[in-house]
Amino acid sequence: EETTTGVHRLRSMADDGALKYPMFAVNDTPMKTLFDNVH
């Protein structure tokens, strides 16, 4: 998952027990967050 909004949705799904396969939160990793989101 590429973006902040998507990661929020996925975490909500996981909290509800609704996310049934693994997802990488690409948005939250430093090489994405510190550059893509900011700059």
PDB file of all heavy atoms in Angstrom:
ATOM      1  N   GLU A   1       0.841  -1.199   0.000  1.00  0.00           N
ATOM      2  CA  GLU A   1       0.000   0.000   0.000  1.00  0.00           C
ATOM      3  C   GLU A   1       0.872   1.243   0.000  1.00  0.00           C
ATOM      4  O   GLU A   1       1.734   1.414   0.847  1.00  0.00           O
ATOM      5  CB  GLU A   1      -0.952   0.010   1.196  1.00  0.00           C
ATOM      6  CG  GLU A   1      -1.715   1.311   1.399  1.00  0.00           C
ATOM      7  CD  GLU A   1      -2.468   1.784   0.155  1.00  0.00           C
ATOM      8  OE1 GLU A   1      -3.222   0.971  -0.444  1.00  0.00           O
ATOM      9  OE2 GLU A   1      -2.299   2.963  -0.231  1.00  0.00           O
ATOM     10  N   GLU A   2       0.589   2.130  -0.935  1.00  0.00           N
ATOM     11  CA  GLU A   2       1.457   3.264  -1.236  1.00  0.00           C
ATOM     12  C   GLU A   2       1.220   4.484  -0.359  1.00  0.00           C
ATOM     13  O   GLU A   2       2.161   5.214  -0.047  1.00  0.00           O
ATOM     14  CB  GLU A   2       1.247   3.651  -2.710  1.00  0.00           C
ATOM     15  CG  GLU A   2       1.921   4.932  -3.159  1.00  0.00           C
ATOM     16  CD  GLU A   2       3.425   4.796  -3.323  1.00  0.00           C
ATOM     17  OE1 GLU A   2       3.935   3.659  -3.268  1.00  0.00           O
ATOM     18  OE2 GLU A   2       4.092   5.827  -3.496  1.00  0.00           O
ATOM     19  N   THR A   3      -0.026   4.762   0.050  1.00  0.00           N
ATOM     20  CA  THR A   3      -0.308   6.093   0.577  1.00  0.00           C
ATOM     21  C   THR A   3      -0.903   6.071   1.976  1.00  0.00           C
ATOM     22  O   THR A   3      -1.400   5.052   2.453  1.00  0.00           O
ATOM     23  CB  THR A   3      -1.234   6.868  -0.389  1.00  0.00           C
ATOM     24  OG1 THR A   3      -1.151   8.262  -0.117  1.00  0.00           O
ATOM     25  CG2 THR A   3      -2.680   6.401  -0.264  1.00  0.00           C
ATOM     26  N   THR A   4      -0.854   7.240   2.631  1.00  0.00           N
ATOM     27  CA  THR A   4      -1.292   7.379   4.021  1.00  0.00           C
ATOM     28  C   THR A   4      -2.734   6.939   4.202  1.00  0.00           C
ATOM     29  O   THR A   4      -3.053   6.176   5.116  1.00  0.00           O
ATOM     30  CB  THR A   4      -1.146   8.849   4.469  1.00  0.00           C
ATOM     31  OG1 THR A   4       0.180   9.303   4.197  1.00  0.00           O
ATOM     32  CG2 THR A   4      -1.440   9.001   5.950  1.00  0.00           C
ATOM     33  N   THR A   5      -3.611   7.432   3.338  1.00  0.00           N
ATOM     34  CA  THR A   5      -5.033   7.097   3.452  1.00  0.00           C
ATOM     35  C   THR A   5      -5.246   5.595   3.363  1.00  0.00           C
ATOM     36  O   THR A   5      -6.030   5.018   4.137  1.00  0.00           O
ATOM     37  CB  THR A   5      -5.831   7.820   2.355  1.00  0.00           C
ATOM     38  OG1 THR A   5      -5.713   9.233   2.542  1.00  0.00           O
ATOM     39  CG2 THR A   5      -7.301   7.423   2.393  1.00  0.00           C
ATOM     40  N   GLY A   6      -4.569   4.951   2.438  1.00  0.00           N
ATOM     41  CA  GLY A   6      -4.714   3.508   2.291  1.00  0.00           C
ATOM     42  C   GLY A   6      -4.239   2.745   3.504  1.00  0.00           C
ATOM     43  O   GLY A   6      -4.888   1.782   3.946  1.00  0.00           O
ATOM     44  N   VAL A   7      -3.119   3.168   4.084  1.00  0.00           N
ATOM     45  CA  VAL A   7      -2.608   2.501   5.286  1.00  0.00           C
ATOM     46  C   VAL A   7      -3.584   2.681   6.442  1.00  0.00           C
ATOM     47  O   VAL A   7      -3.837   1.737   7.207  1.00  0.00           O
ATOM     48  CB  VAL A   7      -1.204   3.026   5.655  1.00  0.00           C
ATOM     49  CG1 VAL A   7      -0.773   2.502   7.019  1.00  0.00           C
ATOM     50  CG2 VAL A   7      -0.190   2.593   4.602  1.00  0.00           C
ATOM     51  N   HIS A   8      -4.164   3.860   6.570  1.00  0.00           N
ATOM     52  CA  HIS A   8      -5.175   4.071   7.619  1.00  0.00           C
ATOM     53  C   HIS A   8      -6.343   3.099   7.435  1.00  0.00           C
ATOM     54  O   HIS A   8      -6.834   2.503   8.412  1.00  0.00           O
ATOM     55  CB  HIS A   8      -5.692   5.511   7.566  1.00  0.00           C
ATOM     56  CG  HIS A   8      -4.745   6.504   8.137  1.00  0.00           C
ATOM     57  ND1 HIS A   8      -4.908   7.866   8.007  1.00  0.00           N
ATOM     58  CD2 HIS A   8      -3.603   6.348   8.853  1.00  0.00           C
ATOM     59  CE1 HIS A   8      -3.923   8.493   8.604  1.00  0.00           C
ATOM     60  NE2 HIS A   8      -3.121   7.597   9.121  1.00  0.00           N
ATOM     61  N   ARG A   9      -6.797   2.950   6.198  1.00  0.00           N
ATOM     62  CA  ARG A   9      -7.912   2.038   5.940  1.00  0.00           C
ATOM     63  C   ARG A   9      -7.524   0.604   6.292  1.00  0.00           C
ATOM     64  O   ARG A   9      -8.312  -0.128   6.898  1.00  0.00           O
ATOM     65  CB  ARG A   9      -8.332   2.113   4.467  1.00  0.00           C
ATOM     66  CG  ARG A   9      -8.915   3.439   4.050  1.00  0.00           C
ATOM     67  CD  ARG A   9      -9.291   3.432   2.572  1.00  0.00           C
ATOM     68  NE  ARG A   9     -10.525   2.689   2.324  1.00  0.00           N
ATOM     69  CZ  ARG A   9     -10.977   2.396   1.111  1.00  0.00           C
ATOM     70  NH1 ARG A   9     -10.266   2.732   0.033  1.00  0.00           N
ATOM     71  NH2 ARG A   9     -12.114   1.736   0.956  1.00  0.00           N
ATOM     72  N   LEU A  10      -6.308   0.209   5.906  1.00  0.00           N
ATOM     73  CA  LEU A  10      -5.872  -1.162   6.174  1.00  0.00           C
ATOM     74  C   LEU A  10      -5.729  -1.419   7.663  1.00  0.00           C
ATOM     75  O   LEU A  10      -6.069  -2.503   8.155  1.00  0.00           O
ATOM     76  CB  LEU A  10      -4.548  -1.435   5.462  1.00  0.00           C
ATOM     77  CG  LEU A  10      -4.602  -1.440   3.936  1.00  0.00           C
ATOM     78  CD1 LEU A  10      -3.205  -1.628   3.363  1.00  0.00           C
ATOM     79  CD2 LEU A  10      -5.546  -2.515   3.408  1.00  0.00           C
ATOM     80  N   ARG A  11      -5.224  -0.445   8.405  1.00  0.00           N
ATOM     81  CA  ARG A  11      -5.107  -0.627   9.859  1.00  0.00           C
ATOM     82  C   ARG A  11      -6.490  -0.739  10.501  1.00  0.00           C
ATOM     83  O   ARG A  11      -6.679  -1.512  11.450  1.00  0.00           O
ATOM     84  CB  ARG A  11      -4.307   0.515  10.474  1.00  0.00           C
ATOM     85  CG  ARG A  11      -2.829   0.510  10.062  1.00  0.00           C
ATOM     86  CD  ARG A  11      -1.978   1.388  10.959  1.00  0.00           C
ATOM     87  NE  ARG A  11      -0.640   1.567  10.410  1.00  0.00           N
ATOM     88  CZ  ARG A  11       0.338   0.670  10.467  1.00  0.00           C
ATOM     89  NH1 ARG A  11       0.132  -0.491  11.042  1.00  0.00           N
ATOM     90  NH2 ARG A  11       1.530   0.938   9.943  1.00  0.00           N
ATOM     91  N   SER A  12      -7.443   0.016   9.978  1.00  0.00           N
ATOM     92  CA  SER A  12      -8.822  -0.112  10.474  1.00  0.00           C
ATOM     93  C   SER A  12      -9.379  -1.502  10.173  1.00  0.00           C
ATOM     94  O   SER A  12     -10.045  -2.119  11.024  1.00  0.00           O
ATOM     95  CB  SER A  12      -9.720   0.959   9.845  1.00  0.00           C
ATOM     96  OG  SER A  12      -9.341   2.244  10.262  1.00  0.00           O
ATOM     97  N   MET A  13      -9.111  -1.998   8.977  1.00  0.00           N
ATOM     98  CA  MET A  13      -9.526  -3.359   8.630  1.00  0.00           C
ATOM     99  C   MET A  13      -8.886  -4.374   9.569  1.00  0.00           C
ATOM    100  O   MET A  13      -9.557  -5.288  10.069  1.00  0.00           O
ATOM    101  CB  MET A  13      -9.145  -3.693   7.188  1.00  0.00           C
ATOM    102  CG  MET A  13      -9.948  -2.992   6.119  1.00  0.00           C
ATOM    103  SD  MET A  13      -9.380  -3.445   4.446  1.00  0.00           S
ATOM    104  CE  MET A  13      -9.951  -5.168   4.343  1.00  0.00           C
ATOM    105  N   ALA A  14      -7.583  -4.207   9.814  1.00  0.00           N
ATOM    106  CA  ALA A  14      -6.879  -5.148  10.683  1.00  0.00           C
ATOM    107  C   ALA A  14      -7.430  -5.091  12.107  1.00  0.00           C
ATOM    108  O   ALA A  14      -7.608  -6.136  12.757  1.00  0.00           O
ATOM    109  CB  ALA A  14      -5.382  -4.838  10.681  1.00  0.00           C
ATOM    110  N   ASP A  15      -7.722  -3.887  12.586  1.00  0.00           N
ATOM    111  CA  ASP A  15      -8.275  -3.739  13.944  1.00  0.00           C
ATOM    112  C   ASP A  15      -9.630  -4.432  14.059  1.00  0.00           C
ATOM    113  O   ASP A  15      -9.986  -4.950  15.130  1.00  0.00           O
ATOM    114  CB  ASP A  15      -8.426  -2.253  14.299  1.00  0.00           C
ATOM    115  CG  ASP A  15      -7.087  -1.566  14.535  1.00  0.00           C
ATOM    116  OD1 ASP A  15      -6.079  -2.278  14.722  1.00  0.00           O
ATOM    117  OD2 ASP A  15      -7.048  -0.322  14.525  1.00  0.00           O
ATOM    118  N   ASP A  16     -10.379  -4.438  12.964  1.00  0.00           N
ATOM    119  CA  ASP A  16     -11.695  -5.088  12.962  1.00  0.00           C
ATOM    120  C   ASP A  16     -11.611  -6.581  12.637  1.00  0.00           C
ATOM    121  O   ASP A  16     -12.646  -7.258  12.556  1.00  0.00           O
ATOM    122  CB  ASP A  16     -12.611  -4.407  11.936  1.00  0.00           C
ATOM    123  CG  ASP A  16     -13.020  -3.003  12.350  1.00  0.00           C
ATOM    124  OD1 ASP A  16     -12.862  -2.676  13.545  1.00  0.00           O
ATOM    125  OD2 ASP A  16     -13.480  -2.243  11.488  1.00  0.00           O
ATOM    126  N   GLY A  17     -10.398  -7.071  12.421  1.00  0.00           N
ATOM    127  CA  GLY A  17     -10.239  -8.478  12.057  1.00  0.00           C
ATOM    128  C   GLY A  17     -10.673  -8.778  10.638  1.00  0.00           C
ATOM    129  O   GLY A  17     -10.913  -9.942  10.290  1.00  0.00           O
ATOM    130  N   ALA A  18     -10.758  -7.738   9.798  1.00  0.00           N
ATOM    131  CA  ALA A  18     -11.291  -7.914   8.446  1.00  0.00           C
ATOM    132  C   ALA A  18     -10.222  -8.060   7.381  1.00  0.00           C
ATOM    133  O   ALA A  18     -10.535  -8.439   6.254  1.00  0.00           O
ATOM    134  CB  ALA A  18     -12.191  -6.720   8.097  1.00  0.00           C
ATOM    135  N   LEU A  19      -8.961  -7.770   7.707  1.00  0.00           N
ATOM    136  CA  LEU A  19      -7.888  -7.865   6.712  1.00  0.00           C
ATOM    137  C   LEU A  19      -7.342  -9.279   6.707  1.00  0.00           C
ATOM    138  O   LEU A  19      -6.766  -9.737   7.703  1.00  0.00           O
ATOM    139  CB  LEU A  19      -6.780  -6.854   7.026  1.00  0.00           C
ATOM    140  CG  LEU A  19      -5.607  -6.794   6.037  1.00  0.00           C
ATOM    141  CD1 LEU A  19      -6.083  -6.475   4.633  1.00  0.00           C
ATOM    142  CD2 LEU A  19      -4.574  -5.768   6.502  1.00  0.00           C
ATOM    143  N   LYS A  20      -7.504  -9.972   5.594  1.00  0.00           N
ATOM    144  CA  LYS A  20      -7.265 -11.414   5.553  1.00  0.00           C
ATOM    145  C   LYS A  20      -5.978 -11.822   4.830  1.00  0.00           C
ATOM    146  O   LYS A  20      -5.716 -13.011   4.681  1.00  0.00           O
ATOM    147  CB  LYS A  20      -8.464 -12.109   4.894  1.00  0.00           C
ATOM    148  CG  LYS A  20      -9.790 -11.866   5.611  1.00  0.00           C
ATOM    149  CD  LYS A  20      -9.757 -12.339   7.069  1.00  0.00           C
ATOM    150  CE  LYS A  20     -11.134 -12.171   7.720  1.00  0.00           C
ATOM    151  NZ  LYS A  20     -11.113 -12.563   9.147  1.00  0.00           N
ATOM    152  N   TYR A  21      -5.207 -10.873   4.356  1.00  0.00           N
ATOM    153  CA  TYR A  21      -3.896 -11.244   3.805  1.00  0.00           C
ATOM    154  C   TYR A  21      -2.881 -10.153   4.157  1.00  0.00           C
ATOM    155  O   TYR A  21      -3.251  -9.027   4.512  1.00  0.00           O
ATOM    156  CB  TYR A  21      -3.959 -11.542   2.308  1.00  0.00           C
ATOM    157  CG  TYR A  21      -4.269 -10.417   1.344  1.00  0.00           C
ATOM    158  CD1 TYR A  21      -3.237  -9.678   0.751  1.00  0.00           C
ATOM    159  CD2 TYR A  21      -5.574 -10.136   0.954  1.00  0.00           C
ATOM    160  CE1 TYR A  21      -3.500  -8.692  -0.167  1.00  0.00           C
ATOM    161  CE2 TYR A  21      -5.849  -9.152   0.021  1.00  0.00           C
ATOM    162  CZ  TYR A  21      -4.806  -8.425  -0.530  1.00  0.00           C
ATOM    163  OH  TYR A  21      -5.073  -7.448  -1.450  1.00  0.00           O
ATOM    164  N   PRO A  22      -1.588 -10.461   4.099  1.00  0.00           N
ATOM    165  CA  PRO A  22      -0.569  -9.506   4.560  1.00  0.00           C
ATOM    166  C   PRO A  22      -0.387  -8.337   3.606  1.00  0.00           C
ATOM    167  O   PRO A  22      -0.399  -8.503   2.384  1.00  0.00           O
ATOM    168  CB  PRO A  22       0.705 -10.359   4.647  1.00  0.00           C
ATOM    169  CG  PRO A  22       0.463 -11.528   3.766  1.00  0.00           C
ATOM    170  CD  PRO A  22      -1.004 -11.778   3.769  1.00  0.00           C
ATOM    171  N   MET A  23      -0.205  -7.142   4.191  1.00  0.00           N
ATOM    172  CA  MET A  23       0.028  -5.924   3.411  1.00  0.00           C
ATOM    173  C   MET A  23       1.219  -5.179   3.987  1.00  0.00           C
ATOM    174  O   MET A  23       1.301  -4.961   5.200  1.00  0.00           O
ATOM    175  CB  MET A  23      -1.209  -5.019   3.471  1.00  0.00           C
ATOM    176  CG  MET A  23      -2.438  -5.542   2.775  1.00  0.00           C
ATOM    177  SD  MET A  23      -2.285  -5.612   0.966  1.00  0.00           S
ATOM    178  CE  MET A  23      -1.907  -3.905   0.565  1.00  0.00           C
ATOM    179  N   PHE A  24       2.133  -4.778   3.132  1.00  0.00           N
ATOM    180  CA  PHE A  24       3.231  -3.910   3.542  1.00  0.00           C
ATOM    181  C   PHE A  24       2.762  -2.455   3.527  1.00  0.00           C
ATOM    182  O   PHE A  24       2.216  -1.982   2.524  1.00  0.00           O
ATOM    183  CB  PHE A  24       4.426  -4.048   2.598  1.00  0.00           C
ATOM    184  CG  PHE A  24       5.300  -5.236   2.878  1.00  0.00           C
ATOM    185  CD1 PHE A  24       5.705  -6.063   1.840  1.00  0.00           C
ATOM    186  CD2 PHE A  24       5.746  -5.511   4.162  1.00  0.00           C
ATOM    187  CE1 PHE A  24       6.526  -7.153   2.084  1.00  0.00           C
ATOM    188  CE2 PHE A  24       6.562  -6.603   4.416  1.00  0.00           C
ATOM    189  CZ  PHE A  24       6.953  -7.424   3.381  1.00  0.00           C
ATOM    190  N   ALA A  25       3.014  -1.747   4.631  1.00  0.00           N
ATOM    191  CA  ALA A  25       2.695  -0.322   4.716  1.00  0.00           C
ATOM    192  C   ALA A  25       3.854   0.470   4.115  1.00  0.00           C
ATOM    193  O   ALA A  25       4.670   1.068   4.822  1.00  0.00           O
ATOM    194  CB  ALA A  25       2.453   0.079   6.166  1.00  0.00           C
ATOM    195  N   VAL A  26       3.936   0.462   2.798  1.00  0.00           N
ATOM    196  CA  VAL A  26       5.029   1.146   2.117  1.00  0.00           C
ATOM    197  C   VAL A  26       5.042   2.632   2.486  1.00  0.00           C
ATOM    198  O   VAL A  26       6.103   3.244   2.649  1.00  0.00           O
ATOM    199  CB  VAL A  26       4.915   0.955   0.592  1.00  0.00           C
ATOM    200  CG1 VAL A  26       5.905   1.842  -0.158  1.00  0.00           C
ATOM    201  CG2 VAL A  26       5.129  -0.512   0.235  1.00  0.00           C
ATOM    202  N   ASN A  27       3.864   3.213   2.654  1.00  0.00           N
ATOM    203  CA  ASN A  27       3.783   4.626   3.005  1.00  0.00           C
ATOM    204  C   ASN A  27       4.577   4.973   4.260  1.00  0.00           C
ATOM    205  O   ASN A  27       5.104   6.079   4.388  1.00  0.00           O
ATOM    206  CB  ASN A  27       2.316   5.026   3.218  1.00  0.00           C
ATOM    207  CG  ASN A  27       2.179   6.466   3.677  1.00  0.00           C
ATOM    208  OD1 ASN A  27       2.252   7.392   2.872  1.00  0.00           O
ATOM    209  ND2 ASN A  27       2.008   6.676   4.979  1.00  0.00           N
ATOM    210  N   ASP A  28       4.645   4.043   5.206  1.00  0.00           N
ATOM    211  CA  ASP A  28       5.199   4.361   6.517  1.00  0.00           C
ATOM    212  C   ASP A  28       6.704   4.155   6.620  1.00  0.00           C
ATOM    213  O   ASP A  28       7.289   4.447   7.659  1.00  0.00           O
ATOM    214  CB  ASP A  28       4.506   3.504   7.588  1.00  0.00           C
ATOM    215  CG  ASP A  28       3.035   3.867   7.753  1.00  0.00           C
ATOM    216  OD1 ASP A  28       2.575   4.802   7.068  1.00  0.00           O
ATOM    217  OD2 ASP A  28       2.355   3.208   8.557  1.00  0.00           O
ATOM    218  N   THR A  29       7.330   3.627   5.599  1.00  0.00           N
ATOM    219  CA  THR A  29       8.763   3.376   5.692  1.00  0.00           C
ATOM    220  C   THR A  29       9.541   4.662   5.420  1.00  0.00           C
ATOM    221  O   THR A  29       9.082   5.534   4.677  1.00  0.00           O
ATOM    222  CB  THR A  29       9.157   2.249   4.709  1.00  0.00           C
ATOM    223  OG1 THR A  29      10.382   1.665   5.124  1.00  0.00           O
ATOM    224  CG2 THR A  29       9.286   2.774   3.295  1.00  0.00           C
ATOM    225  N   PRO A  30      10.703   4.840   6.066  1.00  0.00           N
ATOM    226  CA  PRO A  30      11.410   6.125   5.961  1.00  0.00           C
ATOM    227  C   PRO A  30      11.697   6.593   4.543  1.00  0.00           C
ATOM    228  O   PRO A  30      11.552   7.779   4.234  1.00  0.00           O
ATOM    229  CB  PRO A  30      12.707   5.867   6.737  1.00  0.00           C
ATOM    230  CG  PRO A  30      12.343   4.840   7.751  1.00  0.00           C
ATOM    231  CD  PRO A  30      11.342   3.950   7.063  1.00  0.00           C
ATOM    232  N   MET A  31      12.092   5.682   3.645  1.00  0.00           N
ATOM    233  CA  MET A  31      12.429   6.100   2.291  1.00  0.00           C
ATOM    234  C   MET A  31      11.212   6.602   1.512  1.00  0.00           C
ATOM    235  O   MET A  31      11.353   7.238   0.472  1.00  0.00           O
ATOM    236  CB  MET A  31      13.100   4.952   1.538  1.00  0.00           C
ATOM    237  CG  MET A  31      14.581   4.794   1.861  1.00  0.00           C
ATOM    238  SD  MET A  31      15.572   6.240   1.406  1.00  0.00           S
ATOM    239  CE  MET A  31      15.626   6.062  -0.369  1.00  0.00           C
ATOM    240  N   LYS A  32      10.011   6.321   2.019  1.00  0.00           N
ATOM    241  CA  LYS A  32       8.812   6.881   1.416  1.00  0.00           C
ATOM    242  C   LYS A  32       8.366   8.116   2.180  1.00  0.00           C
ATOM    243  O   LYS A  32       8.241   9.204   1.625  1.00  0.00           O
ATOM    244  CB  LYS A  32       7.697   5.823   1.397  1.00  0.00           C
ATOM    245  CG  LYS A  32       6.616   6.080   0.352  1.00  0.00           C
ATOM    246  CD  LYS A  32       5.554   7.036   0.833  1.00  0.00           C
ATOM    247  CE  LYS A  32       4.415   7.153  -0.178  1.00  0.00           C
ATOM    248  NZ  LYS A  32       3.433   8.180   0.221  1.00  0.00           N
ATOM    249  N   THR A  33       8.159   7.971   3.471  1.00  0.00           N
ATOM    250  CA  THR A  33       7.586   9.039   4.282  1.00  0.00           C
ATOM    251  C   THR A  33       8.428  10.308   4.258  1.00  0.00           C
ATOM    252  O   THR A  33       7.912  11.415   4.077  1.00  0.00           O
ATOM    253  CB  THR A  33       7.418   8.557   5.735  1.00  0.00           C
ATOM    254  OG1 THR A  33       6.469   7.488   5.751  1.00  0.00           O
ATOM    255  CG2 THR A  33       6.934   9.673   6.627  1.00  0.00           C
ATOM    256  N   LEU A  34       9.722  10.155   4.474  1.00  0.00           N
ATOM    257  CA  LEU A  34      10.579  11.324   4.650  1.00  0.00           C
ATOM    258  C   LEU A  34      10.832  12.075   3.351  1.00  0.00           C
ATOM    259  O   LEU A  34      11.281  13.230   3.383  1.00  0.00           O
ATOM    260  CB  LEU A  34      11.924  10.900   5.259  1.00  0.00           C
ATOM    261  CG  LEU A  34      11.850  10.273   6.650  1.00  0.00           C
ATOM    262  CD1 LEU A  34      13.232   9.841   7.119  1.00  0.00           C
ATOM    263  CD2 LEU A  34      11.231  11.250   7.652  1.00  0.00           C
ATOM    264  N   PHE A  35      10.550  11.452   2.224  1.00  0.00           N
ATOM    265  CA  PHE A  35      10.863  12.086   0.949  1.00  0.00           C
ATOM    266  C   PHE A  35       9.620  12.292   0.098  1.00  0.00           C
ATOM    267  O   PHE A  35       9.310  13.418  -0.300  1.00  0.00           O
ATOM    268  CB  PHE A  35      11.900  11.241   0.200  1.00  0.00           C
ATOM    269  CG  PHE A  35      13.161  11.051   1.001  1.00  0.00           C
ATOM    270  CD1 PHE A  35      13.353   9.907   1.751  1.00  0.00           C
ATOM    271  CD2 PHE A  35      14.120  12.045   1.036  1.00  0.00           C
ATOM    272  CE1 PHE A  35      14.504   9.740   2.511  1.00  0.00           C
ATOM    273  CE2 PHE A  35      15.273  11.888   1.792  1.00  0.00           C
ATOM    274  CZ  PHE A  35      15.467  10.732   2.538  1.00  0.00           C
ATOM    275  N   ASP A  36       8.892  11.224  -0.173  1.00  0.00           N
ATOM    276  CA  ASP A  36       7.682  11.309  -0.982  1.00  0.00           C
ATOM    277  C   ASP A  36       6.662  12.231  -0.313  1.00  0.00           C
ATOM    278  O   ASP A  36       6.167  13.186  -0.918  1.00  0.00           O
ATOM    279  CB  ASP A  36       7.125   9.896  -1.155  1.00  0.00           C
ATOM    280  CG  ASP A  36       5.921   9.815  -2.075  1.00  0.00           C
ATOM    281  OD1 ASP A  36       5.034  10.669  -1.964  1.00  0.00           O
ATOM    282  OD2 ASP A  36       5.862   8.886  -2.884  1.00  0.00           O
ATOM    283  N   ASN A  37       6.339  11.970   0.941  1.00  0.00           N
ATOM    284  CA  ASN A  37       5.298  12.738   1.606  1.00  0.00           C
ATOM    285  C   ASN A  37       5.714  14.181   1.855  1.00  0.00           C
ATOM    286  O   ASN A  37       4.934  15.114   1.651  1.00  0.00           O
ATOM    287  CB  ASN A  37       4.907  12.067   2.925  1.00  0.00           C
ATOM    288  CG  ASN A  37       4.178  10.757   2.708  1.00  0.00           C
ATOM    289  OD1 ASN A  37       3.983  10.319   1.578  1.00  0.00           O
ATOM    290  ND2 ASN A  37       3.786  10.112   3.785  1.00  0.00           N
ATOM    291  N   VAL A  38       6.946  14.376   2.323  1.00  0.00           N
ATOM    292  CA  VAL A  38       7.396  15.733   2.645  1.00  0.00           C
ATOM    293  C   VAL A  38       7.756  16.507   1.381  1.00  0.00           C
ATOM    294  O   VAL A  38       7.136  17.521   1.047  1.00  0.00           O
ATOM    295  CB  VAL A  38       8.595  15.692   3.620  1.00  0.00           C
ATOM    296  CG1 VAL A  38       9.122  17.104   3.864  1.00  0.00           C
ATOM    297  CG2 VAL A  38       8.180  15.052   4.945  1.00  0.00           C
ATOM    298  N   HIS A  39       8.764  16.037   0.667  1.00  0.00           N
ATOM    299  CA  HIS A  39       9.256  16.796  -0.479  1.00  0.00           C
ATOM    300  C   HIS A  39       8.377  16.599  -1.711  1.00  0.00           C
ATOM    301  O   HIS A  39       8.143  17.547  -2.467  1.00  0.00           O
ATOM    302  CB  HIS A  39      10.703  16.400  -0.773  1.00  0.00           C
ATOM    303  CG  HIS A  39      11.640  16.746   0.336  1.00  0.00           C
ATOM    304  ND1 HIS A  39      12.068  18.036   0.563  1.00  0.00           N
ATOM    305  CD2 HIS A  39      12.199  15.986   1.312  1.00  0.00           C
ATOM    306  CE1 HIS A  39      12.873  18.058   1.610  1.00  0.00           C
ATOM    307  NE2 HIS A  39      12.962  16.821   2.090  1.00  0.00           N
TER     308      HIS A  39
END
